[in-house]
Amino acid sequence: APISVASLLFGSSLSSAPGSYFMECYGRRFVFVGTCFIVMVGVGLAEFSLISKDFVTLNIAAFLVGFAQGIGQFYRFAVVEVSEPYPKPIAISFVISGGV
């Protein structure tokens, strides 16, 4: 189990540079939707690895889910850019408290 958690954290730590690069090239919406697909593939792969009892596939799935979670942290910055000036503090507090 510790190796799977390490794979998740490793994927999360590696996602910031590619995530910001792809957001700059293709836009936030494309990257966030693509992240949803990465999560679906990762969860499906994790389910398959548990059924087939394959530890390596489980670690790959954990990496994919962690990668998507790391990109999901960009939602905090996206809400600051798109919200109106008055409800901006409320929007920020909703996004940050939703992660808790």
Protein backbone atom coordinates (compact mmCIF):
# COMPACT_ATOMS: atom_id res chain seq x y z
CA ALA A 1 0.00 0.00 0.00
CA PRO A 2 2.77 2.57 0.65
CA ILE A 3 4.06 2.17 -2.89
CA SER A 4 0.60 2.91 -4.29
CA VAL A 5 0.33 6.06 -2.18
CA ALA A 6 3.81 7.06 -3.32
CA SER A 7 2.73 6.56 -6.93
CA LEU A 8 -0.29 8.80 -6.35
CA LEU A 9 1.83 11.52 -4.78
CA PHE A 10 4.48 11.19 -7.48
CA GLY A 11 1.84 11.66 -10.18
CA SER A 12 0.45 14.65 -8.35
CA SER A 13 3.86 16.27 -8.07
CA LEU A 14 4.68 15.73 -11.74
CA SER A 15 1.45 17.25 -13.04
CA SER A 16 2.03 20.96 -12.42
CA ALA A 17 4.41 21.72 -15.29
CA PRO A 18 2.56 19.80 -18.03
CA GLY A 19 -0.78 21.01 -16.70
CA SER A 20 0.17 24.67 -16.86
CA TYR A 21 1.79 24.21 -20.27
CA PHE A 22 -1.30 22.57 -21.76
CA MET A 23 -3.55 25.19 -20.18
CA GLU A 24 -1.50 27.88 -21.85
CA CYS A 25 -1.63 26.12 -25.23
CA TYR A 26 -5.17 24.70 -25.27
CA GLY A 27 -7.11 26.53 -22.56
CA ARG A 28 -8.40 25.59 -19.13
CA ARG A 29 -11.61 23.93 -20.28
CA PHE A 30 -9.83 21.46 -22.56
CA VAL A 31 -7.36 20.51 -19.84
CA PHE A 32 -10.00 20.12 -17.12
CA VAL A 33 -12.16 17.92 -19.36
CA GLY A 34 -9.09 15.91 -20.31
CA THR A 35 -8.32 15.51 -16.63
CA CYS A 36 -11.76 13.98 -16.12
CA PHE A 37 -10.93 11.40 -18.77
CA ILE A 38 -7.57 10.68 -17.11
CA VAL A 39 -9.39 10.04 -13.82
CA MET A 40 -11.88 7.71 -15.52
CA VAL A 41 -9.07 5.74 -17.15
CA GLY A 42 -7.16 5.60 -13.86
CA VAL A 43 -10.17 4.40 -11.89
CA GLY A 44 -11.03 1.80 -14.54
CA LEU A 45 -7.45 0.62 -14.54
CA ALA A 46 -7.47 0.42 -10.74
CA GLU A 47 -10.65 -1.65 -10.83
CA PHE A 48 -9.11 -3.97 -13.41
CA SER A 49 -5.93 -4.30 -11.37
CA LEU A 50 -7.86 -5.22 -8.23
CA ILE A 51 -9.88 -7.85 -10.10
CA SER A 52 -6.80 -9.30 -11.79
CA LYS A 53 -4.63 -8.88 -8.66
CA ASP A 54 -1.92 -7.00 -10.57
CA PHE A 55 0.12 -4.72 -8.33
CA VAL A 56 2.03 -2.94 -11.11
CA THR A 57 -1.19 -1.93 -12.84
CA LEU A 58 -2.53 -0.64 -9.53
CA ASN A 59 0.50 1.63 -9.19
CA ILE A 60 0.05 2.92 -12.73
CA ALA A 61 -3.60 3.64 -11.95
CA ALA A 62 -2.62 5.44 -8.75
CA PHE A 63 -0.14 7.53 -10.73
CA LEU A 64 -2.86 8.53 -13.23
CA VAL A 65 -5.31 9.47 -10.49
CA GLY A 66 -2.62 11.46 -8.70
CA PHE A 67 -1.70 13.22 -11.93
CA ALA A 68 -5.32 14.23 -12.42
CA GLN A 69 -5.61 15.39 -8.81
CA GLY A 70 -2.58 17.59 -9.28
CA ILE A 71 -4.11 19.24 -12.32
CA GLY A 72 -7.36 19.59 -10.40
CA GLN A 73 -5.57 21.92 -8.00
CA PHE A 74 -5.58 24.50 -10.79
CA TYR A 75 -9.31 25.03 -10.14
CA ARG A 76 -8.31 27.42 -7.37
CA PHE A 77 -6.58 29.70 -9.83
CA ALA A 78 -9.30 29.38 -12.44
CA VAL A 79 -11.98 30.58 -10.02
CA VAL A 80 -9.95 33.69 -9.24
CA GLU A 81 -9.60 34.54 -12.92
CA VAL A 82 -13.24 34.08 -13.93
CA SER A 83 -15.23 35.37 -10.94
CA GLU A 84 -16.56 38.90 -10.57
CA PRO A 85 -14.81 41.29 -8.14
CA TYR A 86 -17.45 41.25 -5.41
CA PRO A 87 -18.11 37.52 -4.93
CA LYS A 88 -14.45 36.64 -5.55
CA PRO A 89 -13.63 36.07 -1.84
CA ILE A 90 -16.74 33.91 -1.46
CA ALA A 91 -15.86 31.90 -4.58
CA ILE A 92 -12.30 31.37 -3.35
CA SER A 93 -13.50 30.21 0.06
CA PHE A 94 -15.95 27.74 -1.55
CA VAL A 95 -13.25 26.25 -3.77
CA ILE A 96 -10.68 25.96 -0.99
CA SER A 97 -13.16 24.61 1.57
CA GLY A 98 -14.38 22.08 -0.99
CA GLY A 99 -10.93 20.49 -0.97
CA VAL A 100 -11.03 19.99 2.77
